[in-house]
C-alpha atoms as a PDB file:
ATOM      1  CA  MET A   1      25.772 -17.408  -2.698  1.00  0.00           C
ATOM      2  CA  LYS A   2      28.185 -14.315  -2.429  1.00  0.00           C
ATOM      3  CA  ILE A   3      26.353 -11.255  -1.287  1.00  0.00           C
ATOM      4  CA  LEU A   4      27.425  -7.559  -1.218  1.00  0.00           C
ATOM      5  CA  PHE A   5      25.686  -4.798   0.638  1.00  0.00           C
ATOM      6  CA  ALA A   6      26.414  -1.811  -0.970  1.00  0.00           C
ATOM      7  CA  ASP A   7      23.923   0.373   0.748  1.00  0.00           C
ATOM      8  CA  THR A   8      22.754   0.297   4.421  1.00  0.00           C
ATOM      9  CA  ALA A   9      19.954  -1.942   5.558  1.00  0.00           C
ATOM     10  CA  HIS A  10      18.495  -3.448   8.594  1.00  0.00           C
ATOM     11  CA  PRO A  11      20.693  -6.352  10.313  1.00  0.00           C
ATOM     12  CA  ALA A  12      17.882  -8.878  10.441  1.00  0.00           C
ATOM     13  CA  LEU A  13      18.442  -8.623   6.168  1.00  0.00           C
ATOM     14  CA  LYS A  14      22.176  -9.972   6.829  1.00  0.00           C
ATOM     15  CA  GLN A  15      21.446 -12.367   9.340  1.00  0.00           C
ATOM     16  CA  GLY A  16      18.684 -13.658   7.526  1.00  0.00           C
ATOM     17  CA  LEU A  17      20.508 -14.577   3.987  1.00  0.00           C
ATOM     18  CA  GLU A  18      23.797 -15.893   6.809  1.00  0.00           C
ATOM     19  CA  ASN A  19      21.725 -17.837   8.748  1.00  0.00           C
ATOM     20  CA  ALA A  20      20.721 -20.142   5.075  1.00  0.00           C
ATOM     21  CA  GLY A  21      24.301 -20.108   4.353  1.00  0.00           C
ATOM     22  CA  HIS A  22      25.247 -17.390   1.819  1.00  0.00           C
ATOM     23  CA  LEU A  23      28.371 -15.118   2.839  1.00  0.00           C
ATOM     24  CA  CYS A  24      27.373 -11.003   2.986  1.00  0.00           C
ATOM     25  CA  ASP A  25      30.010  -8.293   2.913  1.00  0.00           C
ATOM     26  CA  GLU A  26      29.229  -4.858   3.812  1.00  0.00           C
ATOM     27  CA  LEU A  27      32.049  -2.580   1.945  1.00  0.00           C
ATOM     28  CA  GLY A  28      30.365   0.596   3.504  1.00  0.00           C
ATOM     29  CA  GLN A  29      31.238   3.911   1.502  1.00  0.00           C
ATOM     30  CA  PHE A  30      33.008   3.596  -2.103  1.00  0.00           C
ATOM     31  CA  LYS A  31      32.888   5.408  -5.050  1.00  0.00           C
ATOM     32  CA  GLU A  32      30.300   4.950  -7.892  1.00  0.00           C
ATOM     33  CA  GLU A  33      32.911   4.069 -10.295  1.00  0.00           C
ATOM     34  CA  LYS A  34      34.641   1.171  -8.591  1.00  0.00           C
ATOM     35  CA  LEU A  35      31.517  -0.404  -7.906  1.00  0.00           C
ATOM     36  CA  VAL A  36      31.646  -2.879 -11.433  1.00  0.00           C
ATOM     37  CA  SER A  37      35.034  -3.879 -10.427  1.00  0.00           C
ATOM     38  CA  ILE A  38      33.822  -4.892  -6.572  1.00  0.00           C
ATOM     39  CA  LEU A  39      30.358  -6.182  -7.925  1.00  0.00           C
ATOM     40  CA  THR A  40      32.120  -8.935 -10.274  1.00  0.00           C
ATOM     41  CA  ALA A  41      33.006 -10.900  -7.609  1.00  0.00           C
ATOM     42  CA  TYR A  42      28.942 -11.470  -6.394  1.00  0.00           C
ATOM     43  CA  ASP A  43      26.078 -13.317  -7.234  1.00  0.00           C
ATOM     44  CA  GLY A  44      23.980 -10.928  -5.610  1.00  0.00           C
ATOM     45  CA  VAL A  45      23.822  -7.061  -4.549  1.00  0.00           C
ATOM     46  CA  VAL A  46      21.507  -5.796  -1.978  1.00  0.00           C
ATOM     47  CA  ILE A  47      20.890  -1.659  -2.164  1.00  0.00           C
ATOM     48  CA  ARG A  48      18.950   1.465  -1.448  1.00  0.00           C
ATOM     49  CA  SER A  49      18.836   4.302  -3.683  1.00  0.00           C
ATOM     50  CA  ARG A  50      22.549   5.590  -3.452  1.00  0.00           C
ATOM     51  CA  PHE A  51      23.255   3.826  -6.779  1.00  0.00           C
ATOM     52  CA  LYS A  52      22.155   3.755 -10.530  1.00  0.00           C
ATOM     53  CA  PHE A  53      22.051   0.299 -12.132  1.00  0.00           C
ATOM     54  CA  ASP A  54      21.444   1.456 -15.611  1.00  0.00           C
ATOM     55  CA  SER A  55      21.767  -0.950 -18.914  1.00  0.00           C
ATOM     56  CA  LYS A  56      25.597   0.145 -19.018  1.00  0.00           C
ATOM     57  CA  LEU A  57      26.234  -1.066 -14.927  1.00  0.00           C
ATOM     58  CA  LEU A  58      24.211  -4.074 -15.367  1.00  0.00           C
ATOM     59  CA  GLY A  59      25.842  -5.152 -19.211  1.00  0.00           C
ATOM     60  CA  GLN A  60      29.315  -5.396 -17.087  1.00  0.00           C
ATOM     61  CA  LEU A  61      27.878  -7.858 -14.204  1.00  0.00           C
ATOM     62  CA  PRO A  62      27.030 -11.588 -16.502  1.00  0.00           C
ATOM     63  CA  GLN A  63      27.587 -13.082 -13.096  1.00  0.00           C
ATOM     64  CA  LEU A  64      24.775 -11.685 -11.059  1.00  0.00           C
ATOM     65  CA  LYS A  65      21.733 -12.913 -10.168  1.00  0.00           C
ATOM     66  CA  PHE A  66      19.844 -10.808  -8.305  1.00  0.00           C
ATOM     67  CA  ILE A  67      19.268  -7.319  -7.252  1.00  0.00           C
ATOM     68  CA  ALA A  68      17.369  -6.405  -4.053  1.00  0.00           C
ATOM     69  CA  ARG A  69      16.067  -3.045  -3.121  1.00  0.00           C
ATOM     70  CA  VAL A  70      15.225  -2.309   0.362  1.00  0.00           C
ATOM     71  CA  GLY A  71      12.637  -0.222  -0.636  1.00  0.00           C
ATOM     72  CA  ALA A  72       9.058   0.453  -3.054  1.00  0.00           C
ATOM     73  CA  GLY A  73      10.271   1.997  -5.868  1.00  0.00           C
ATOM     74  CA  MET A  74      12.195   0.886  -8.581  1.00  0.00           C
ATOM     75  CA  GLU A  75      13.548   3.434 -11.029  1.00  0.00           C
ATOM     76  CA  ASN A  76      17.233   3.308 -10.090  1.00  0.00           C
ATOM     77  CA  ILE A  77      17.183  -0.035 -11.643  1.00  0.00           C
ATOM     78  CA  ASP A  78      16.719  -0.970 -15.164  1.00  0.00           C
ATOM     79  CA  VAL A  79      14.584  -3.725 -14.951  1.00  0.00           C
ATOM     80  CA  ALA A  80      13.964  -4.878 -17.966  1.00  0.00           C
ATOM     81  CA  PHE A  81      17.731  -4.789 -19.136  1.00  0.00           C
ATOM     82  CA  ALA A  82      18.498  -6.774 -16.018  1.00  0.00           C
ATOM     83  CA  GLU A  83      15.618  -9.184 -16.209  1.00  0.00           C
ATOM     84  CA  SER A  84      16.913  -9.795 -20.305  1.00  0.00           C
ATOM     85  CA  MET A  85      20.162 -10.693 -18.843  1.00  0.00           C
ATOM     86  CA  GLY A  86      18.394 -13.378 -16.223  1.00  0.00           C
ATOM     87  CA  ILE A  87      19.133 -11.121 -13.079  1.00  0.00           C
ATOM     88  CA  VAL A  88      15.531 -11.117 -10.302  1.00  0.00           C
ATOM     89  CA  CYS A  89      15.260  -7.526  -8.880  1.00  0.00           C
ATOM     90  CA  LEU A  90      12.947  -7.717  -6.284  1.00  0.00           C
ATOM     91  CA  HIS A  91      12.075  -5.174  -3.569  1.00  0.00           C
ATOM     92  CA  ALA A  92       9.646  -5.165  -0.359  1.00  0.00           C
ATOM     93  CA  PRO A  93       6.833  -2.300  -1.273  1.00  0.00           C
ATOM     94  CA  GLU A  94       4.605  -4.644   1.175  1.00  0.00           C
ATOM     95  CA  GLY A  95       7.540  -3.457   3.374  1.00  0.00           C
ATOM     96  CA  ASN A  96       6.308   0.270   4.392  1.00  0.00           C
ATOM     97  CA  ARG A  97       3.135   0.618   2.784  1.00  0.00           C
ATOM     98  CA  ASN A  98       1.354   0.817   6.427  1.00  0.00           C
ATOM     99  CA  ALA A  99       4.095   3.596   6.844  1.00  0.00           C
ATOM    100  CA  VAL A 100       3.574   5.881   4.424  1.00  0.00           C
ATOM    101  CA  ALA A 101       0.081   5.635   4.493  1.00  0.00           C
ATOM    102  CA  GLU A 102      -0.270   6.754   8.178  1.00  0.00           C
ATOM    103  CA  HIS A 103       2.609   9.253   6.907  1.00  0.00           C
ATOM    104  CA  ALA A 104      -0.165  10.513   4.610  1.00  0.00           C
ATOM    105  CA  MET A 105      -2.973  10.383   6.828  1.00  0.00           C
ATOM    106  CA  GLY A 106      -1.034  12.529   9.541  1.00  0.00           C
ATOM    107  CA  MET A 107      -0.141  15.582   6.993  1.00  0.00           C
ATOM    108  CA  LEU A 108      -3.810  15.413   6.193  1.00  0.00           C
ATOM    109  CA  LEU A 109      -5.096  15.774   9.222  1.00  0.00           C
ATOM    110  CA  ALA A 110      -2.094  18.227   9.516  1.00  0.00           C
ATOM    111  CA  MET A 111      -3.033  20.523   7.246  1.00  0.00           C
ATOM    112  CA  LEU A 112      -7.023  20.795   7.603  1.00  0.00           C
ATOM    113  CA  ASN A 113      -6.390  21.789  11.329  1.00  0.00           C
ATOM    114  CA  HIS A 114      -3.353  24.222  10.648  1.00  0.00           C
ATOM    115  CA  LEU A 115      -1.419  22.025  13.199  1.00  0.00           C
ATOM    116  CA  CYS A 116       1.939  22.569  12.410  1.00  0.00           C
ATOM    117  CA  ARG A 117       1.594  27.224  11.680  1.00  0.00           C
ATOM    118  CA  ALA A 118      -1.131  26.477  15.226  1.00  0.00           C
ATOM    119  CA  ASN A 119       2.383  25.048  16.990  1.00  0.00           C
ATOM    120  CA  SER A 120       4.936  27.405  16.064  1.00  0.00           C
ATOM    121  CA  GLU A 121       2.358  30.404  16.664  1.00  0.00           C
ATOM    122  CA  VAL A 122       1.568  29.094  20.468  1.00  0.00           C
ATOM    123  CA  LYS A 123       5.598  28.889  21.010  1.00  0.00           C
ATOM    124  CA  GLU A 124       5.717  32.193  19.658  1.00  0.00           C
ATOM    125  CA  GLY A 125       3.543  33.476  22.521  1.00  0.00           C
ATOM    126  CA  LYS A 126       0.868  34.013  19.668  1.00  0.00           C
ATOM    127  CA  TRP A 127      -3.166  32.257  20.362  1.00  0.00           C
ATOM    128  CA  ILE A 128      -4.879  33.014  17.604  1.00  0.00           C
ATOM    129  CA  ARG A 129      -8.456  30.499  17.099  1.00  0.00           C
ATOM    130  CA  GLU A 130     -10.448  32.082  14.306  1.00  0.00           C
ATOM    131  CA  GLY A 131      -7.298  32.444  12.680  1.00  0.00           C
ATOM    132  CA  ASN A 132      -6.752  28.490  12.455  1.00  0.00           C
ATOM    133  CA  ARG A 133     -10.089  27.326  12.446  1.00  0.00           C
ATOM    134  CA  GLY A 134      -9.715  23.950  10.672  1.00  0.00           C
ATOM    135  CA  GLU A 135     -11.932  21.930   8.075  1.00  0.00           C
ATOM    136  CA  GLU A 136     -13.521  18.257   9.427  1.00  0.00           C
ATOM    137  CA  LEU A 137     -12.681  15.388   6.685  1.00  0.00           C
ATOM    138  CA  GLU A 138     -15.967  13.806   6.638  1.00  0.00           C
ATOM    139  CA  GLY A 139     -17.669  14.231   3.708  1.00  0.00           C
ATOM    140  CA  LYS A 140     -14.984  15.103   1.602  1.00  0.00           C
ATOM    141  CA  THR A 141     -14.008  13.143  -1.819  1.00  0.00           C
ATOM    142  CA  VAL A 142     -10.365  12.098  -1.527  1.00  0.00           C
ATOM    143  CA  ALA A 143      -8.959  10.796  -4.812  1.00  0.00           C
ATOM    144  CA  ILE A 144      -6.177   7.999  -4.325  1.00  0.00           C
ATOM    145  CA  ILE A 145      -3.872   7.879  -7.488  1.00  0.00           C
ATOM    146  CA  GLY A 146      -1.821   4.740  -7.869  1.00  0.00           C
ATOM    147  CA  PHE A 147      -4.022   1.870  -5.992  1.00  0.00           C
ATOM    148  CA  GLY A 148      -1.005  -0.685  -5.397  1.00  0.00           C
ATOM    149  CA  ASN A 149       1.058  -1.293  -2.185  1.00  0.00           C
ATOM    150  CA  THR A 150       0.571   2.421  -0.586  1.00  0.00           C
ATOM    151  CA  GLY A 151      -2.664   3.541  -2.047  1.00  0.00           C
ATOM    152  CA  SER A 152      -5.007   0.684  -0.520  1.00  0.00           C
ATOM    153  CA  SER A 153      -3.025   1.082   2.211  1.00  0.00           C
ATOM    154  CA  PHE A 154      -4.036   4.612   2.574  1.00  0.00           C
ATOM    155  CA  ALA A 155      -7.715   3.893   1.335  1.00  0.00           C
ATOM    156  CA  LYS A 156      -7.730   1.694   4.584  1.00  0.00           C
ATOM    157  CA  LYS A 157      -6.756   4.760   7.162  1.00  0.00           C
ATOM    158  CA  LEU A 158      -9.526   6.721   5.116  1.00  0.00           C
ATOM    159  CA  LYS A 159     -12.658   4.416   6.087  1.00  0.00           C
ATOM    160  CA  GLY A 160     -13.172   5.322   9.602  1.00  0.00           C
ATOM    161  CA  PHE A 161     -13.558   9.145   8.301  1.00  0.00           C
ATOM    162  CA  ASP A 162     -16.765   9.218   6.439  1.00  0.00           C
ATOM    163  CA  VAL A 163     -14.944   9.918   3.104  1.00  0.00           C
ATOM    164  CA  LYS A 164     -15.968   9.117  -0.213  1.00  0.00           C
ATOM    165  CA  ILE A 165     -12.710   7.521  -1.962  1.00  0.00           C
ATOM    166  CA  LEU A 166     -11.809   7.398  -5.643  1.00  0.00           C
ATOM    167  CA  ALA A 167      -9.103   5.684  -6.817  1.00  0.00           C
ATOM    168  CA  PHE A 168      -8.009   5.523 -10.514  1.00  0.00           C
ATOM    169  CA  ASP A 169      -4.858   3.239 -11.653  1.00  0.00           C
ATOM    170  CA  PRO A 170      -4.896   1.934 -15.001  1.00  0.00           C
ATOM    171  CA  TYR A 171      -2.639  -1.091 -14.075  1.00  0.00           C
ATOM    172  CA  VAL A 172      -6.069  -2.535 -11.436  1.00  0.00           C
ATOM    173  CA  LEU A 173      -8.830  -3.718 -12.930  1.00  0.00           C
ATOM    174  CA  THR A 174     -11.115  -4.357  -9.977  1.00  0.00           C
ATOM    175  CA  VAL A 175     -10.997  -3.657  -6.090  1.00  0.00           C
ATOM    176  CA  ASN A 176     -11.801  -6.228  -3.931  1.00  0.00           C
ATOM    177  CA  ASP A 177     -13.315  -3.392  -1.276  1.00  0.00           C
ATOM    178  CA  HIS A 178     -16.767  -1.763  -1.559  1.00  0.00           C
ATOM    179  CA  ASP A 179     -15.664   1.757  -0.061  1.00  0.00           C
ATOM    180  CA  VAL A 180     -13.098   2.133  -2.847  1.00  0.00           C
ATOM    181  CA  ARG A 181     -14.331   2.868  -6.303  1.00  0.00           C
ATOM    182  CA  LEU A 182     -12.147   2.772  -9.456  1.00  0.00           C
ATOM    183  CA  CYS A 183     -12.802   5.555 -12.101  1.00  0.00           C
ATOM    184  CA  ASP A 184     -11.508   7.530 -14.895  1.00  0.00           C
ATOM    185  CA  MET A 185      -9.419  11.031 -14.255  1.00  0.00           C
ATOM    186  CA  GLU A 186     -12.339  13.311 -15.702  1.00  0.00           C
ATOM    187  CA  GLU A 187     -14.426  12.240 -12.623  1.00  0.00           C
ATOM    188  CA  ILE A 188     -11.508  12.707  -9.828  1.00  0.00           C
ATOM    189  CA  PHE A 189     -11.016  16.538 -12.035  1.00  0.00           C
ATOM    190  CA  ASP A 190     -14.544  16.995 -11.703  1.00  0.00           C
ATOM    191  CA  HIS A 191     -15.087  15.642  -7.651  1.00  0.00           C
ATOM    192  CA  SER A 192     -12.134  15.453  -5.689  1.00  0.00           C
ATOM    193  CA  ASP A 193     -11.486  18.041  -2.238  1.00  0.00           C
ATOM    194  CA  ILE A 194      -8.328  15.921  -2.102  1.00  0.00           C
ATOM    195  CA  VAL A 195      -5.758  14.297  -3.882  1.00  0.00           C
ATOM    196  CA  SER A 196      -2.985  11.817  -2.257  1.00  0.00           C
ATOM    197  CA  LEU A 197      -0.103  10.623  -5.349  1.00  0.00           C
ATOM    198  CA  HIS A 198       0.529   6.776  -4.903  1.00  0.00           C
ATOM    199  CA  ILE A 199       2.417   6.315  -8.029  1.00  0.00           C
ATOM    200  CA  PRO A 200       6.061   5.024  -8.532  1.00  0.00           C
ATOM    201  CA  LEU A 201       8.490   7.116 -10.921  1.00  0.00           C
ATOM    202  CA  THR A 202       8.190   6.780 -14.332  1.00  0.00           C
ATOM    203  CA  GLU A 203       8.101   7.748 -18.135  1.00  0.00           C
ATOM    204  CA  GLU A 204       4.346   8.031 -17.458  1.00  0.00           C
ATOM    205  CA  THR A 205       3.804   9.761 -14.375  1.00  0.00           C
ATOM    206  CA  ASN A 206       7.388  11.889 -14.697  1.00  0.00           C
ATOM    207  CA  ALA A 207       6.232  15.419 -14.173  1.00  0.00           C
ATOM    208  CA  LEU A 208       2.943  14.018 -14.678  1.00  0.00           C
ATOM    209  CA  VAL A 209       1.316  16.974 -11.919  1.00  0.00           C
ATOM    210  CA  ASN A 210       1.917  20.040 -13.812  1.00  0.00           C
ATOM    211  CA  ALA A 211       0.384  23.159 -14.518  1.00  0.00           C
ATOM    212  CA  ALA A 212      -2.177  21.401 -17.363  1.00  0.00           C
ATOM    213  CA  TRP A 213      -2.927  18.284 -14.881  1.00  0.00           C
ATOM    214  CA  LEU A 214      -3.709  21.060 -11.589  1.00  0.00           C
ATOM    215  CA  GLY A 215      -5.962  23.406 -14.275  1.00  0.00           C
ATOM    216  CA  LYS A 216      -8.351  20.619 -15.053  1.00  0.00           C
ATOM    217  CA  PHE A 217     -10.031  20.331 -11.380  1.00  0.00           C
ATOM    218  CA  ARG A 218     -13.324  21.362 -10.727  1.00  0.00           C
ATOM    219  CA  LYS A 219     -12.913  22.798  -7.015  1.00  0.00           C
ATOM    220  CA  PRO A 220      -9.695  23.853  -5.809  1.00  0.00           C
ATOM    221  CA  ILE A 221      -7.943  21.199  -3.836  1.00  0.00           C
ATOM    222  CA  ARG A 222      -5.553  19.562  -1.223  1.00  0.00           C
ATOM    223  CA  LEU A 223      -2.729  17.896  -2.836  1.00  0.00           C
ATOM    224  CA  ILE A 224      -0.499  15.008  -0.888  1.00  0.00           C
ATOM    225  CA  ASN A 225       2.462  13.738  -2.452  1.00  0.00           C
ATOM    226  CA  THR A 226       4.313  10.818  -0.858  1.00  0.00           C
ATOM    227  CA  SER A 227       5.391   8.963  -3.627  1.00  0.00           C
ATOM    228  CA  ARG A 228       8.252  10.171  -5.820  1.00  0.00           C
ATOM    229  CA  GLY A 229       9.345  14.099  -5.719  1.00  0.00           C
ATOM    230  CA  LYS A 230       9.886  14.376  -9.896  1.00  0.00           C
ATOM    231  CA  CYS A 231       6.003  13.354 -10.199  1.00  0.00           C
ATOM    232  CA  LEU A 232       5.590  16.965  -9.227  1.00  0.00           C
ATOM    233  CA  VAL A 233       6.421  20.484 -10.947  1.00  0.00           C
ATOM    234  CA  THR A 234       7.383  22.514  -7.992  1.00  0.00           C
ATOM    235  CA  LYS A 235       6.989  25.901  -9.815  1.00  0.00           C
ATOM    236  CA  ASP A 236       3.553  24.737 -11.588  1.00  0.00           C
ATOM    237  CA  LEU A 237       2.431  23.296  -7.293  1.00  0.00           C
ATOM    238  CA  MET A 238       4.065  27.342  -6.413  1.00  0.00           C
ATOM    239  CA  GLN A 239       1.565  28.992  -8.897  1.00  0.00           C
ATOM    240  CA  ALA A 240      -1.386  27.201  -8.363  1.00  0.00           C
ATOM    241  CA  ILE A 241      -1.424  27.548  -4.684  1.00  0.00           C
ATOM    242  CA  GLU A 242      -0.991  31.226  -5.182  1.00  0.00           C
ATOM    243  CA  SER A 243      -3.816  31.172  -7.956  1.00  0.00           C
ATOM    244  CA  GLY A 244      -5.812  29.268  -5.410  1.00  0.00           C
ATOM    245  CA  ARG A 245      -6.586  26.526  -7.612  1.00  0.00           C
ATOM    246  CA  VAL A 246      -4.393  24.214  -4.602  1.00  0.00           C
ATOM    247  CA  ILE A 247      -5.419  25.389  -0.999  1.00  0.00           C
ATOM    248  CA  SER A 248      -2.493  23.620   0.310  1.00  0.00           C
ATOM    249  CA  ALA A 249      -0.199  21.060  -0.206  1.00  0.00           C
ATOM    250  CA  ALA A 250       2.027  18.308   2.266  1.00  0.00           C
ATOM    251  CA  LEU A 251       4.862  17.150  -0.037  1.00  0.00           C
ATOM    252  CA  ASP A 252       7.565  14.382   1.895  1.00  0.00           C
ATOM    253  CA  VAL A 253       9.406  14.116  -1.285  1.00  0.00           C
ATOM    254  CA  LEU A 254      10.737  16.771  -3.339  1.00  0.00           C
ATOM    255  CA  GLU A 255      11.682  17.243  -6.991  1.00  0.00           C
ATOM    256  CA  PHE A 256      14.835  18.076  -6.258  1.00  0.00           C
ATOM    257  CA  GLU A 257      16.012  14.986  -4.420  1.00  0.00           C
ATOM    258  CA  SER A 258      19.156  13.500  -5.084  1.00  0.00           C
ATOM    259  CA  LEU A 259      19.509  10.088  -6.420  1.00  0.00           C
ATOM    260  CA  SER A 260      20.168   8.854  -2.815  1.00  0.00           C
ATOM    261  CA  PHE A 261      17.313  10.915  -1.546  1.00  0.00           C
ATOM    262  CA  GLU A 262      19.584  12.303   1.350  1.00  0.00           C
ATOM    263  CA  HIS A 263      20.035  15.890   0.327  1.00  0.00           C
ATOM    264  CA  PHE A 264      18.444  18.316  -2.301  1.00  0.00           C
ATOM    265  CA  GLN A 265      19.000  21.587  -3.530  1.00  0.00           C
ATOM    266  CA  LEU A 266      17.115  24.013  -5.784  1.00  0.00           C
ATOM    267  CA  GLU A 267      17.174  27.525  -6.676  1.00  0.00           C
ATOM    268  CA  ALA A 268      17.142  29.945  -3.539  1.00  0.00           C
ATOM    269  CA  ASP A 269      13.866  31.757  -4.169  1.00  0.00           C
ATOM    270  CA  LEU A 270      11.590  28.949  -4.816  1.00  0.00           C
ATOM    271  CA  LEU A 271      13.135  27.135  -1.945  1.00  0.00           C
ATOM    272  CA  GLN A 272      11.923  30.571   0.268  1.00  0.00           C
ATOM    273  CA  LYS A 273       9.136  30.325  -1.084  1.00  0.00           C
ATOM    274  CA  LEU A 274       8.351  26.415   0.100  1.00  0.00           C
ATOM    275  CA  ARG A 275       9.549  27.150   3.447  1.00  0.00           C
ATOM    276  CA  SER A 276       7.758  30.338   3.750  1.00  0.00           C
ATOM    277  CA  ASP A 277       4.594  29.444   3.117  1.00  0.00           C
ATOM    278  CA  ASP A 278       2.475  28.441   5.628  1.00  0.00           C
ATOM    279  CA  ARG A 279      -0.062  26.378   2.882  1.00  0.00           C
ATOM    280  CA  ILE A 280       2.694  23.988   2.479  1.00  0.00           C
ATOM    281  CA  LEU A 281       3.440  20.796   4.773  1.00  0.00           C
ATOM    282  CA  LEU A 282       7.325  19.444   4.325  1.00  0.00           C
ATOM    283  CA  SER A 283       9.029  16.408   5.381  1.00  0.00           C
ATOM    284  CA  PRO A 284      12.171  14.753   4.548  1.00  0.00           C
ATOM    285  CA  HIS A 285      11.415  11.637   2.786  1.00  0.00           C
ATOM    286  CA  ILE A 286      10.241   9.346   5.632  1.00  0.00           C
ATOM    287  CA  ALA A 287       7.115   8.403   5.288  1.00  0.00           C
ATOM    288  CA  GLY A 288       8.254   5.384   4.737  1.00  0.00           C
ATOM    289  CA  TRP A 289      11.368   5.411   7.015  1.00  0.00           C
ATOM    290  CA  THR A 290       9.652   4.096  10.224  1.00  0.00           C
ATOM    291  CA  LYS A 291      11.216   1.749  12.829  1.00  0.00           C
ATOM    292  CA  GLU A 292       8.993  -0.846  11.918  1.00  0.00           C
ATOM    293  CA  SER A 293       9.292  -0.784   8.181  1.00  0.00           C
ATOM    294  CA  ASN A 294      12.800  -0.808   8.451  1.00  0.00           C
ATOM    295  CA  LEU A 295      12.623  -3.988   9.791  1.00  0.00           C
ATOM    296  CA  LYS A 296       9.691  -5.421   7.439  1.00  0.00           C
ATOM    297  CA  MET A 297      11.325  -4.329   4.414  1.00  0.00           C
ATOM    298  CA  ALA A 298      14.621  -6.588   5.733  1.00  0.00           C
ATOM    299  CA  GLN A 299      12.254  -9.652   6.566  1.00  0.00           C
ATOM    300  CA  ILE A 300      10.379  -9.582   3.354  1.00  0.00           C
ATOM    301  CA  LEU A 301      13.378  -9.531   0.952  1.00  0.00           C
ATOM    302  CA  VAL A 302      15.179 -12.094   3.394  1.00  0.00           C
ATOM    303  CA  ASP A 303      11.510 -14.010   2.394  1.00  0.00           C
ATOM    304  CA  LYS A 304      11.680 -13.180  -0.898  1.00  0.00           C
ATOM    305  CA  ILE A 305      15.286 -13.973  -2.082  1.00  0.00           C
ATOM    306  CA  LEU A 306      15.420 -16.908  -0.098  1.00  0.00           C
ATOM    307  CA  LYS A 307      12.376 -18.622  -1.823  1.00  0.00           C
ATOM    308  CA  HIS A 308      13.266 -17.414  -5.536  1.00  0.00           C
ATOM    309  CA  PHE A 309      16.409 -19.536  -4.854  1.00  0.00           C
ATOM    310  CA  ALA A 310      14.790 -22.545  -3.798  1.00  0.00           C
ATOM    311  CA  GLU A 311      12.867 -22.519  -6.275  1.00  0.00           C
ATOM    312  CA  GLU A 312      15.124 -22.241  -9.149  1.00  0.00           C
ATOM    313  CA  ARG A 313      17.215 -25.141  -7.658  1.00  0.00           C
ATOM    314  CA  ASN A 314      13.968 -27.373  -7.361  1.00  0.00           C
END
């Protein structure tokens, strides 16, 4: 097959496909309006988040056999429409689940122990101990919203901390893990101390975390979002922090990110609030962005592409 790399990927992905006899091209930077004319010459395309493969674009690519996304989410692909055209959609959520889980764990411990604030204060010559007295994770109830690849991996990291783990996922019926209990959202609203989001961006989850949702928790919570920025309404979160409903929040993703996740833009006053409030911990969408996950996602996609088309031939 002829395969276009429309986005960056670990060299192992291209090498693995070429070793199997496929022809791979890397075209680097080009404008989106040229994508159709370029893609008509290819059987498959490898992407990240730079381009949106909606029905309008896909409808002009009847020859396309597959789309492979180097990442976990599929929100920039109209998967149902692609599959109706016989286009296989592949992704690699197994490849960065450990990275996301470790990042969420690090954010949680940093929040509880005020590590970022304390680091800045000591570097400024301030030695404040009582003001940075932390909390232990042991004995707390952690709710995981979404129990797929990253949610289950996060639960695995939590096990050594002697916490109670609750999980909500309407698409998961059973959990083969005696340390995790599936429950409904009412129980999570009633008992959670910490809530971590591990959900894809869909119509169901878009703006899921809003004022009404946050208002249902019986006690103040700490919130972590390493999933997608648009799952959370930033203004509502800020109001919940100011009112005390949310003690602190750790956000690896922001509602205002571009489609490619390479930059963000938001109104000045809200940006200033995010930057100046030490109850909010931020990172630039890097939870799944490790050296190891980069390689693992490439290897997983090679395996999935080769396996699918080997089975198709047979």
